[in-house]
Amino acid sequence: MKRLMPGVVTAVAGGVVLGFIAGAVVPTVFAAENSKSDTYRMLELFGDVFERVRSDYVENVSDEELIEAAVEGMLTHLDPHSTFLNKAKFRDMQVQTKGEFGGLGIEVTMEKGYVKVVSPIDETPAARAGIQAGDLITHLNTEPVQGMSLSEAVEKMRGPVKTDIVLTIRRGHQAAFDVTITRDKIRIQSVRSRAEGKIGYLRITSFSEQTDKGLKRAIERLKKEMGDDIAGYILDLRNNPGGLLDQAVTVSDSFLEQGEIVSTRGRKEDSGQRFYATAGDLIDGKPLVVMINGGSASASEIVAGALQDHRRAILLGTKSFGKGSVQTIIPLGRSGAIKLTTQRYYTPSGHSIQAKGIDPDIMVQQAKVEALDSVQPRRSERDLRGSLRNEEDADPSAVTPDKEGEQKKPDEQKKDGTQKKPDQPGAGVKKDGKDDATPETDETAKKDPQAEDYQLARAIDLLRGIALYKGRMVN
């Protein structure tokens, strides 16, 4: 009504304008009445179906079940993230946001009737069982998930600790296969950290109520442990399914001095919000690399987008998941709550990542690093026939000519004067490709995160390069 008042005043001043407004208002009133009439007619349809199910369905179904199912159907029809939470599910959700809940440890959504894994949570039964982002769950204990709502599927995956559930997984073009997972109590420590040489590594697995405090403690520990030698930081958001919006804002603010972090817009013009950074960079302006992949969703994308748009960090990895919507939990008294998509969020540059994701600055696919069965040595200047010896070489025997005039290092010669082949046992490489020098060398390689994580190795190389460019030497 407030917006209409100036128009009414103008109408009084001119009869022509008044006639225009009157002609426009009458059809609007009729349209509103027709809309109400259609709504009442559809509610009558719902009542008729409800009564028919109550009286004629083959089994007894409680009214509560029917009404909850109808409400959930209405919400899940809107988008994959809106849903109804009955009292039990509402309690579970509250526990989950606090960082502790029971289940398998996976973030899921619905896609084409199947349950799709957004990402497994680190150090949970699902992660240990090898569940991967992008996996489609087709059956739960041999029961098809098609026809289930997302809430129903999640409820079936949860259960008492130390009980098993069989997930049927479809991964890419592979044939479907079963995975048996033992449920456990999921305690999430959402922030982990460690030193990688002179680089501080920070891993955020989800955004729960304690994430900002955990991040601050982790950075303080790294500073205390590494002193002033820190050349930069890696913020690993891979396979982070998201979480609380306010935590995403606070984490972004931890690395920014000023500027907008994220904005949200709803259907109503006055429903939008803007969130801004405050002064104070926890890592004192040190170089920052943020790692993302297809399992980085929602709150993770808010952080990545803010740091990318402000050019505060370099994003490395693969395109993120693309969940650019905000869900609001609306309690319904004793009946539970609804989780309703109320807004879309936008990066500082004004871009929506909904269904698009965030592209990294440097695209690095994850690769599996394996030892070669045989490594052929590369030829160098010293291998050329008759090459000159380096005059600074203090050991004249360091290079010895063979019978054809070629040169070999003493440690490349056997006692019988012949050269070892790289793929012979005892030549430094076993037939299975592993170094046979010492058992400790093998074990160290297994435990080295860089040896198993190609993307992390590239992020570390990038920071080392930045440090060298700035005149710092990183070991």
Protein backbone atom coordinates (compact mmCIF):
# COMPACT_ATOMS: atom_id res chain seq x y z
CA MET A 1 0.00 0.00 0.00
CA LYS A 2 2.80 2.44 0.77
CA ARG A 3 4.06 2.18 -2.79
CA LEU A 4 0.59 2.91 -4.16
CA MET A 5 -0.02 6.13 -2.19
CA PRO A 6 1.91 8.51 -4.52
CA GLY A 7 -0.04 7.12 -7.45
CA VAL A 8 -3.36 7.89 -5.77
CA VAL A 9 -2.31 11.49 -5.13
CA THR A 10 -1.35 11.86 -8.78
CA ALA A 11 -4.69 10.40 -9.80
CA VAL A 12 -6.57 13.06 -7.86
CA ALA A 13 -4.67 15.75 -9.75
CA GLY A 14 -5.64 14.40 -13.18
CA GLY A 15 -8.78 12.54 -14.22
CA VAL A 16 -7.04 10.78 -17.09
CA VAL A 17 -4.50 9.26 -14.76
CA LEU A 18 -7.25 8.27 -12.34
CA GLY A 19 -9.08 6.42 -15.08
CA PHE A 20 -5.86 4.56 -15.99
CA ILE A 21 -5.29 3.50 -12.41
CA ALA A 22 -8.88 2.46 -11.87
CA GLY A 23 -8.79 0.39 -15.03
CA ALA A 24 -5.63 -1.31 -13.86
CA VAL A 25 -6.81 -2.04 -10.32
CA VAL A 26 -10.07 -3.82 -11.17
CA PRO A 27 -8.50 -6.68 -13.17
CA THR A 28 -5.87 -7.06 -10.46
CA VAL A 29 -8.56 -7.57 -7.81
CA PHE A 30 -10.33 -10.13 -9.99
CA ALA A 31 -7.01 -11.91 -10.62
CA ALA A 32 -6.32 -12.12 -6.90
CA GLU A 33 -9.80 -13.54 -6.26
CA ASN A 34 -9.37 -16.09 -9.04
CA SER A 35 -6.01 -17.11 -7.58
CA LYS A 36 -7.58 -17.66 -4.15
CA SER A 37 -10.35 -19.67 -5.75
CA ASP A 38 -7.79 -21.91 -7.50
CA THR A 39 -5.92 -22.39 -4.22
CA TYR A 40 -9.08 -23.43 -2.38
CA ARG A 41 -9.93 -25.85 -5.20
CA MET A 42 -6.49 -27.49 -4.92
CA LEU A 43 -6.81 -27.71 -1.14
CA GLU A 44 -10.11 -29.50 -1.66
CA LEU A 45 -8.25 -31.90 -3.94
CA PHE A 46 -5.70 -32.54 -1.20
CA GLY A 47 -8.50 -33.17 1.30
CA ASP A 48 -10.24 -35.60 -1.05
CA VAL A 49 -7.03 -37.58 -1.65
CA PHE A 50 -6.21 -37.56 2.07
CA GLU A 51 -9.62 -39.00 2.97
CA ARG A 52 -9.43 -41.58 0.19
CA VAL A 53 -6.04 -42.83 1.43
CA ARG A 54 -7.27 -42.98 5.02
CA SER A 55 -10.31 -45.04 4.08
CA ASP A 56 -9.13 -47.27 1.22
CA TYR A 57 -5.35 -47.76 1.43
CA VAL A 58 -4.38 -51.40 1.84
CA GLU A 59 -2.64 -50.78 5.20
CA ASN A 60 -3.30 -48.49 8.12
CA VAL A 61 -1.33 -45.24 7.93
CA SER A 62 -1.40 -42.61 10.67
CA ASP A 63 -2.64 -39.15 9.89
CA GLU A 64 0.67 -37.75 11.11
CA GLU A 65 2.61 -39.84 8.61
CA LEU A 66 0.38 -38.75 5.75
CA ILE A 67 0.56 -35.06 6.59
CA GLU A 68 4.32 -35.11 7.12
CA ALA A 69 4.78 -36.93 3.82
CA ALA A 70 2.60 -34.36 2.05
CA VAL A 71 4.55 -31.46 3.53
CA GLU A 72 7.87 -33.08 2.67
CA GLY A 73 6.69 -33.75 -0.87
CA MET A 74 5.74 -30.11 -1.25
CA LEU A 75 9.18 -28.94 -0.11
CA THR A 76 11.33 -31.50 -1.94
CA HIS A 77 9.48 -30.61 -5.13
CA LEU A 78 10.96 -27.10 -4.90
CA ASP A 79 14.67 -27.96 -5.00
CA PRO A 80 17.08 -30.65 -3.72
CA HIS A 81 17.85 -28.76 -0.49
CA SER A 82 14.42 -27.77 0.86
CA THR A 83 12.90 -30.39 3.14
CA PHE A 84 10.73 -31.07 6.19
CA LEU A 85 12.39 -31.92 9.49
CA ASN A 86 10.21 -33.79 11.97
CA LYS A 87 11.11 -33.59 15.65
CA ALA A 88 13.74 -36.34 15.48
CA LYS A 89 15.37 -34.99 12.33
CA PHE A 90 15.35 -31.46 13.71
CA ARG A 91 17.20 -32.66 16.82
CA ASP A 92 19.70 -34.51 14.64
CA MET A 93 20.33 -31.40 12.58
CA GLN A 94 20.97 -29.34 15.69
CA VAL A 95 23.47 -31.92 16.90
CA GLN A 96 25.15 -32.03 13.49
CA THR A 97 25.78 -28.29 13.37
CA LYS A 98 27.44 -28.58 16.77
CA GLY A 99 29.98 -30.98 15.23
CA GLU A 100 28.88 -34.36 16.59
CA PHE A 101 26.36 -36.83 15.22
CA GLY A 102 25.86 -40.50 14.45
CA GLY A 103 26.08 -42.03 10.99
CA LEU A 104 28.45 -42.74 8.11
CA GLY A 105 30.09 -39.36 7.59
CA ILE A 106 28.96 -38.26 4.12
CA GLU A 107 27.29 -35.14 2.78
CA VAL A 108 24.63 -36.08 0.23
CA THR A 109 22.08 -34.60 -2.15
CA MET A 110 19.55 -36.01 -4.64
CA GLU A 111 20.21 -36.31 -8.36
CA LYS A 112 17.83 -37.98 -10.82
CA GLY A 113 16.28 -40.04 -8.07
CA TYR A 114 19.57 -41.28 -6.65
CA VAL A 115 21.48 -40.18 -3.57
CA LYS A 116 24.61 -38.38 -4.74
CA VAL A 117 27.67 -38.04 -2.52
CA VAL A 118 28.77 -34.41 -2.32
CA SER A 119 31.78 -35.39 -0.23
CA PRO A 120 32.89 -37.83 2.45
CA ILE A 121 34.00 -36.31 5.74
CA ASP A 122 37.61 -36.96 6.71
CA GLU A 123 38.36 -39.83 9.11
CA THR A 124 34.82 -41.21 9.12
CA PRO A 125 33.54 -44.70 8.20
CA ALA A 126 32.54 -43.49 4.71
CA ALA A 127 35.97 -41.99 4.03
CA ARG A 128 37.73 -45.11 5.31
CA ALA A 129 35.52 -47.27 3.10
CA GLY A 130 36.64 -45.32 0.02
CA ILE A 131 33.42 -43.46 -0.74
CA GLN A 132 34.17 -40.61 -3.16
CA ALA A 133 32.59 -37.30 -4.12
CA GLY A 134 30.26 -37.86 -7.08
CA ASP A 135 29.38 -41.46 -6.18
CA LEU A 136 25.70 -42.33 -6.71
CA ILE A 137 24.06 -44.49 -4.05
CA THR A 138 21.43 -46.64 -5.76
CA HIS A 139 20.46 -49.06 -2.97
CA LEU A 140 20.56 -49.14 0.84
CA ASN A 141 20.67 -52.68 2.19
CA THR A 142 19.43 -53.85 -1.26
CA GLU A 143 16.45 -51.45 -1.09
CA PRO A 144 16.31 -49.05 -4.09
CA VAL A 145 16.62 -45.38 -3.14
CA GLN A 146 14.50 -44.30 -6.10
CA GLY A 147 11.18 -43.27 -4.67
CA MET A 148 12.73 -42.20 -1.37
CA SER A 149 13.08 -38.60 -0.33
CA LEU A 150 16.53 -37.38 0.66
CA SER A 151 15.47 -37.27 4.32
CA GLU A 152 14.26 -40.88 4.16
CA ALA A 153 17.54 -42.03 2.63
CA VAL A 154 19.59 -40.15 5.22
CA GLU A 155 17.47 -41.61 8.02
CA LYS A 156 18.15 -45.14 6.75
CA MET A 157 21.88 -44.47 6.58
CA ARG A 158 21.90 -43.38 10.20
CA GLY A 159 21.54 -45.88 13.00
CA PRO A 160 23.06 -47.33 16.14
CA VAL A 161 26.83 -47.31 16.47
CA LYS A 162 28.61 -50.54 15.38
CA THR A 163 25.80 -51.64 13.07
CA ASP A 164 26.43 -52.31 9.39
CA ILE A 165 24.75 -50.98 6.27
CA VAL A 166 25.39 -52.00 2.66
CA LEU A 167 25.53 -49.20 0.09
CA THR A 168 25.29 -50.02 -3.61
CA ILE A 169 27.51 -47.52 -5.42
CA ARG A 170 27.60 -46.45 -9.05
CA ARG A 171 30.82 -44.63 -9.90
CA GLY A 172 31.32 -43.16 -13.35
CA HIS A 173 31.09 -45.85 -16.03
CA GLN A 174 31.99 -48.68 -13.65
CA ALA A 175 29.56 -51.46 -12.86
CA ALA A 176 27.63 -50.98 -9.61
CA PHE A 177 29.29 -52.47 -6.54
CA ASP A 178 28.45 -52.93 -2.86
CA VAL A 179 30.28 -51.36 0.07
CA THR A 180 29.62 -52.45 3.65
CA ILE A 181 30.12 -49.66 6.18
CA THR A 182 29.94 -49.89 9.96
CA ARG A 183 28.18 -46.93 11.52
CA ASP A 184 30.07 -44.92 14.08
CA LYS A 185 29.66 -41.79 16.15
CA ILE A 186 30.86 -38.95 14.00
CA ARG A 187 32.89 -36.43 15.93
CA ILE A 188 34.07 -33.72 13.62
CA GLN A 189 37.17 -31.72 14.37
CA SER A 190 36.56 -29.34 11.53
CA VAL A 191 40.05 -27.78 11.44
CA ARG A 192 43.37 -29.61 11.21
CA SER A 193 46.85 -28.24 10.65
CA ARG A 194 50.47 -29.25 10.19
CA ALA A 195 53.77 -27.84 8.98
CA GLU A 196 54.90 -28.73 5.47
CA GLY A 197 58.49 -27.57 5.56
CA LYS A 198 58.15 -23.81 5.92
CA ILE A 199 54.53 -23.81 4.76
CA GLY A 200 51.53 -23.90 7.09
CA TYR A 201 48.86 -26.38 5.99
CA LEU A 202 45.27 -25.75 7.15
CA ARG A 203 42.46 -28.20 6.42
CA ILE A 204 38.79 -27.30 7.05
CA THR A 205 36.45 -30.28 6.68
CA SER A 206 33.14 -28.50 7.39
CA PHE A 207 31.76 -25.24 8.75
CA SER A 208 30.21 -25.96 12.15
CA GLU A 209 29.77 -23.71 15.17
CA GLN A 210 33.38 -24.05 16.33
CA THR A 211 35.19 -23.70 12.99
CA ASP A 212 36.31 -20.09 13.39
CA LYS A 213 37.77 -20.76 16.84
CA GLY A 214 39.47 -23.92 15.58
CA LEU A 215 41.04 -22.02 12.69
CA LYS A 216 42.39 -19.33 14.97
CA ARG A 217 43.92 -21.91 17.32
CA ALA A 218 45.47 -23.79 14.40
CA ILE A 219 47.13 -20.66 13.00
CA GLU A 220 48.44 -19.72 16.44
CA ARG A 221 49.94 -23.21 16.85
CA LEU A 222 51.67 -23.02 13.48
CA LYS A 223 53.11 -19.59 14.27
CA LYS A 224 54.41 -20.84 17.61
CA GLU A 225 55.88 -23.97 16.07
CA MET A 226 57.39 -22.39 12.95
CA GLY A 227 58.18 -18.87 14.13
CA ASP A 228 58.91 -16.23 11.52
CA ASP A 229 59.99 -18.77 8.92
CA ILE A 230 56.49 -19.36 7.54
CA ALA A 231 56.64 -18.64 3.81
CA GLY A 232 52.90 -19.02 3.23
CA TYR A 233 49.78 -21.04 3.95
CA ILE A 234 47.62 -23.60 2.20
CA LEU A 235 43.88 -23.61 3.01
CA ASP A 236 42.49 -26.97 1.93
CA LEU A 237 38.72 -26.86 1.27
CA ARG A 238 38.55 -29.97 -0.90
CA ASN A 239 35.56 -32.23 -0.20
CA ASN A 240 34.22 -29.67 2.29
CA PRO A 241 30.41 -29.83 1.90
CA GLY A 242 29.80 -26.46 3.59
CA GLY A 243 27.80 -25.65 6.71
CA LEU A 244 26.90 -22.46 8.52
CA LEU A 245 26.86 -19.18 6.60
CA ASP A 246 28.14 -17.10 9.51
CA GLN A 247 31.15 -19.42 9.85
CA ALA A 248 31.98 -19.01 6.17
CA VAL A 249 31.89 -15.24 6.63
CA THR A 250 34.13 -15.37 9.73
CA VAL A 251 36.66 -17.69 8.08
CA SER A 252 36.85 -15.42 5.03
CA ASP A 253 37.28 -12.41 7.31
CA SER A 254 40.26 -14.17 8.93
CA PHE A 255 42.29 -13.54 5.77
CA LEU A 256 40.88 -10.18 4.63
CA GLU A 257 41.37 -6.62 5.83
CA GLN A 258 38.34 -5.03 4.21
CA GLY A 259 35.71 -5.33 1.50
CA GLU A 260 32.59 -7.34 0.88
CA ILE A 261 32.71 -11.06 1.59
CA VAL A 262 29.36 -12.24 0.25
CA SER A 263 25.88 -10.92 -0.45
CA THR A 264 22.56 -12.75 -0.35
CA ARG A 265 19.37 -11.97 -2.24
CA GLY A 266 15.92 -13.43 -1.81
CA ARG A 267 12.66 -13.09 -3.68
CA LYS A 268 11.73 -9.94 -1.78
CA GLU A 269 13.74 -6.83 -2.48
CA ASP A 270 14.33 -6.04 1.19
CA SER A 271 15.50 -9.55 2.09
CA GLY A 272 19.07 -9.16 0.86
CA GLN A 273 22.11 -8.91 3.13
CA ARG A 274 25.74 -7.93 2.64
CA PHE A 275 28.60 -9.14 4.81
CA TYR A 276 31.88 -7.21 5.08
CA ALA A 277 35.37 -7.97 6.34
CA THR A 278 36.89 -6.21 9.32
CA ALA A 279 40.54 -5.25 9.79
CA GLY A 280 42.87 -8.01 10.91
CA ASP A 281 44.53 -10.70 8.77
CA LEU A 282 45.39 -13.72 10.95
CA ILE A 283 48.26 -14.75 8.68
CA ASP A 284 49.74 -11.24 8.41
CA GLY A 285 49.47 -10.94 4.63
CA LYS A 286 51.49 -14.10 3.91
CA PRO A 287 50.86 -15.80 0.53
CA LEU A 288 47.80 -18.06 0.54
CA VAL A 289 46.78 -20.93 -1.75
CA VAL A 290 43.23 -22.27 -1.46
CA MET A 291 42.58 -25.81 -2.69
CA ILE A 292 39.12 -26.74 -4.05
CA ASN A 293 37.54 -29.58 -6.00
CA GLY A 294 34.14 -30.93 -7.02
CA GLY A 295 33.35 -31.75 -3.39
CA SER A 296 33.80 -28.13 -2.23
CA ALA A 297 30.28 -26.78 -1.80
CA SER A 298 28.22 -23.96 -0.32
CA ALA A 299 30.14 -22.33 2.55
CA SER A 300 33.42 -23.55 1.03
CA GLU A 301 32.54 -21.73 -2.18
CA ILE A 302 31.73 -18.55 -0.25
CA VAL A 303 35.25 -18.55 1.21
CA ALA A 304 36.93 -19.47 -2.07
CA GLY A 305 34.93 -16.88 -4.03
CA ALA A 306 35.65 -14.07 -1.57
CA LEU A 307 39.39 -14.74 -1.44
CA GLN A 308 39.58 -15.11 -5.22
CA ASP A 309 37.63 -11.93 -5.99
CA HIS A 310 39.78 -9.89 -3.60
CA ARG A 311 42.92 -11.48 -5.08
CA ARG A 312 43.92 -12.49 -1.60
CA ALA A 313 44.55 -16.11 -2.56
CA ILE A 314 45.34 -18.29 -5.55
CA LEU A 315 42.76 -21.04 -6.09
CA LEU A 316 44.20 -24.39 -7.15
CA GLY A 317 42.46 -27.65 -8.00
CA THR A 318 39.27 -28.33 -9.97
CA LYS A 319 35.87 -26.65 -10.36
CA SER A 320 33.76 -26.55 -7.18
CA PHE A 321 30.32 -28.14 -6.68
CA GLY A 322 28.14 -25.13 -7.51
CA LYS A 323 25.69 -24.84 -4.60
CA GLY A 324 24.91 -21.13 -4.47
CA SER A 325 21.79 -21.12 -2.31
CA VAL A 326 21.08 -20.44 1.36
CA GLN A 327 18.71 -22.55 3.44
CA THR A 328 16.89 -21.14 6.45
CA ILE A 329 15.77 -23.39 9.31
CA ILE A 330 12.25 -22.35 10.36
CA PRO A 331 11.05 -24.05 13.59
CA LEU A 332 7.42 -25.17 13.65
CA GLY A 333 6.88 -25.47 17.37
CA ARG A 334 6.40 -29.07 18.50
CA SER A 335 6.11 -30.36 14.92
CA GLY A 336 9.78 -29.93 13.98
CA ALA A 337 11.02 -27.46 11.37
CA ILE A 338 11.34 -26.83 7.67
CA LYS A 339 14.59 -26.22 5.84
CA LEU A 340 13.65 -23.79 3.09
CA THR A 341 15.80 -22.26 0.37
CA THR A 342 15.29 -18.55 0.94
CA GLN A 343 18.19 -16.83 -0.80
CA ARG A 344 20.93 -17.11 -3.38
CA TYR A 345 24.38 -15.88 -2.53
CA TYR A 346 26.76 -13.87 -4.69
CA THR A 347 30.52 -13.40 -4.61
CA PRO A 348 31.95 -9.88 -4.07
CA SER A 349 32.10 -9.40 -7.85
CA GLY A 350 28.35 -10.04 -8.04
CA HIS A 351 28.52 -13.49 -9.64
CA SER A 352 26.25 -16.35 -8.66
CA ILE A 353 27.91 -19.75 -8.58
CA GLN A 354 24.60 -21.66 -8.48
CA ALA A 355 24.95 -24.73 -10.72
CA LYS A 356 28.16 -23.25 -12.16
CA GLY A 357 30.74 -23.56 -9.42
CA ILE A 358 33.97 -21.63 -9.01
CA ASP A 359 36.82 -22.14 -11.45
CA PRO A 360 40.27 -22.33 -9.88
CA ASP A 361 43.00 -19.95 -11.01
CA ILE A 362 45.23 -22.96 -11.64
CA MET A 363 43.54 -26.16 -12.81
CA VAL A 364 45.21 -29.24 -11.31
CA GLN A 365 43.52 -32.61 -11.59
CA GLN A 366 44.25 -35.14 -8.89
CA ALA A 367 46.73 -37.75 -10.12
CA LYS A 368 47.79 -41.10 -8.76
CA VAL A 369 51.55 -41.15 -8.36
CA GLU A 370 53.05 -44.59 -8.89
CA ALA A 371 56.64 -45.77 -9.05
CA LEU A 372 57.82 -46.99 -12.46
CA ASP A 373 58.91 -50.59 -12.87
CA SER A 374 62.13 -49.39 -14.45
CA VAL A 375 63.70 -45.96 -14.68
CA GLN A 376 66.02 -45.34 -17.61
CA PRO A 377 68.78 -42.87 -16.64
CA ARG A 378 68.95 -39.70 -18.74
CA ARG A 379 72.18 -39.05 -20.60
CA SER A 380 74.13 -35.94 -19.70
CA GLU A 381 77.35 -34.24 -20.82
CA ARG A 382 79.48 -36.53 -18.67
CA ASP A 383 78.06 -39.57 -20.52
CA LEU A 384 79.35 -38.37 -23.88
CA ARG A 385 82.45 -40.07 -25.26
CA GLY A 386 85.56 -38.03 -24.59
CA SER A 387 83.80 -35.25 -22.64
CA LEU A 388 86.05 -32.92 -20.65
CA ARG A 389 86.36 -33.41 -16.90
CA ASN A 390 85.33 -30.53 -14.67
CA GLU A 391 88.53 -28.89 -13.39
CA GLU A 392 86.85 -28.27 -10.02
CA ASP A 393 86.34 -31.99 -9.50
CA ALA A 394 88.73 -32.83 -6.65
CA ASP A 395 88.44 -36.56 -7.20
CA PRO A 396 90.17 -37.58 -10.43
CA SER A 397 88.58 -41.01 -10.17
CA ALA A 398 85.08 -39.60 -10.04
CA VAL A 399 84.86 -40.16 -13.81
CA THR A 400 86.43 -43.20 -15.42
CA PRO A 401 86.56 -44.09 -19.10
CA ASP A 402 85.23 -47.45 -20.18
CA LYS A 403 86.77 -49.62 -22.85
CA GLU A 404 84.91 -47.69 -25.57
CA GLY A 405 85.96 -44.34 -24.15
CA GLU A 406 82.60 -43.61 -22.45
CA GLN A 407 82.60 -42.43 -18.86
CA LYS A 408 80.94 -43.98 -15.86
CA LYS A 409 80.64 -43.19 -12.18
CA PRO A 410 82.36 -45.71 -9.90
CA ASP A 411 79.05 -46.56 -8.20
CA GLU A 412 77.56 -47.53 -11.57
CA GLN A 413 80.19 -50.29 -12.01
CA LYS A 414 80.07 -53.81 -10.67
CA LYS A 415 83.21 -55.55 -9.47
CA ASP A 416 83.35 -57.35 -12.80
CA GLY A 417 83.42 -54.01 -14.60
CA THR A 418 79.92 -54.22 -16.11
CA GLN A 419 77.17 -51.68 -15.48
CA LYS A 420 74.05 -52.57 -13.50
CA LYS A 421 70.75 -52.30 -15.29
CA PRO A 422 68.20 -50.17 -13.47
CA ASP A 423 65.61 -52.95 -13.39
CA GLN A 424 67.90 -55.61 -11.95
CA PRO A 425 67.38 -56.54 -8.29
CA GLY A 426 69.98 -54.80 -6.22
CA ALA A 427 70.24 -51.89 -8.62
CA GLY A 428 68.26 -49.56 -6.39
CA VAL A 429 64.82 -50.49 -7.78
CA LYS A 430 62.92 -53.66 -7.01
CA LYS A 431 60.87 -55.46 -9.62
CA ASP A 432 57.76 -54.00 -8.05
CA GLY A 433 59.17 -50.50 -8.55
CA LYS A 434 60.05 -49.84 -4.88
CA ASP A 435 63.42 -48.65 -3.71
CA ASP A 436 65.25 -51.46 -1.94
CA ALA A 437 67.86 -49.21 -0.35
CA THR A 438 66.34 -49.25 3.14
CA PRO A 439 62.95 -50.22 4.59
CA GLU A 440 62.71 -46.78 6.22
CA THR A 441 62.82 -45.07 2.81
CA ASP A 442 59.77 -47.02 1.66
CA GLU A 443 57.82 -46.33 4.82
CA THR A 444 58.63 -42.63 4.70
CA ALA A 445 57.36 -42.41 1.13
CA LYS A 446 54.09 -44.03 2.17
CA LYS A 447 53.56 -41.54 4.95
CA ASP A 448 54.57 -38.48 2.96
CA PRO A 449 51.30 -36.64 2.13
CA GLN A 450 52.89 -35.07 -0.95
CA ALA A 451 53.78 -38.49 -2.33
CA GLU A 452 50.10 -39.49 -2.25
CA ASP A 453 48.47 -36.10 -2.95
CA TYR A 454 49.47 -34.62 -6.29
CA GLN A 455 47.34 -31.48 -5.87
CA LEU A 456 48.89 -30.74 -2.48
CA ALA A 457 52.38 -31.22 -3.93
CA ARG A 458 51.59 -28.68 -6.65
CA ALA A 459 50.22 -26.20 -4.09
CA ILE A 460 53.42 -26.51 -2.07
CA ASP A 461 55.53 -26.04 -5.21
CA LEU A 462 53.53 -22.91 -6.03
CA LEU A 463 54.15 -21.37 -2.60
CA ARG A 464 57.82 -22.26 -2.78
CA GLY A 465 58.02 -20.52 -6.13
CA ILE A 466 56.35 -17.41 -4.72
CA ALA A 467 58.76 -17.44 -1.78
CA LEU A 468 61.77 -17.78 -4.06
CA TYR A 469 60.49 -14.96 -6.21
CA LYS A 470 60.27 -12.80 -3.10
CA GLY A 471 63.79 -13.71 -2.13
CA ARG A 472 62.99 -16.35 0.50
CA MET A 473 64.52 -19.79 0.43
CA VAL A 474 62.13 -22.59 1.39
CA ASN A 475 63.47 -26.01 2.29
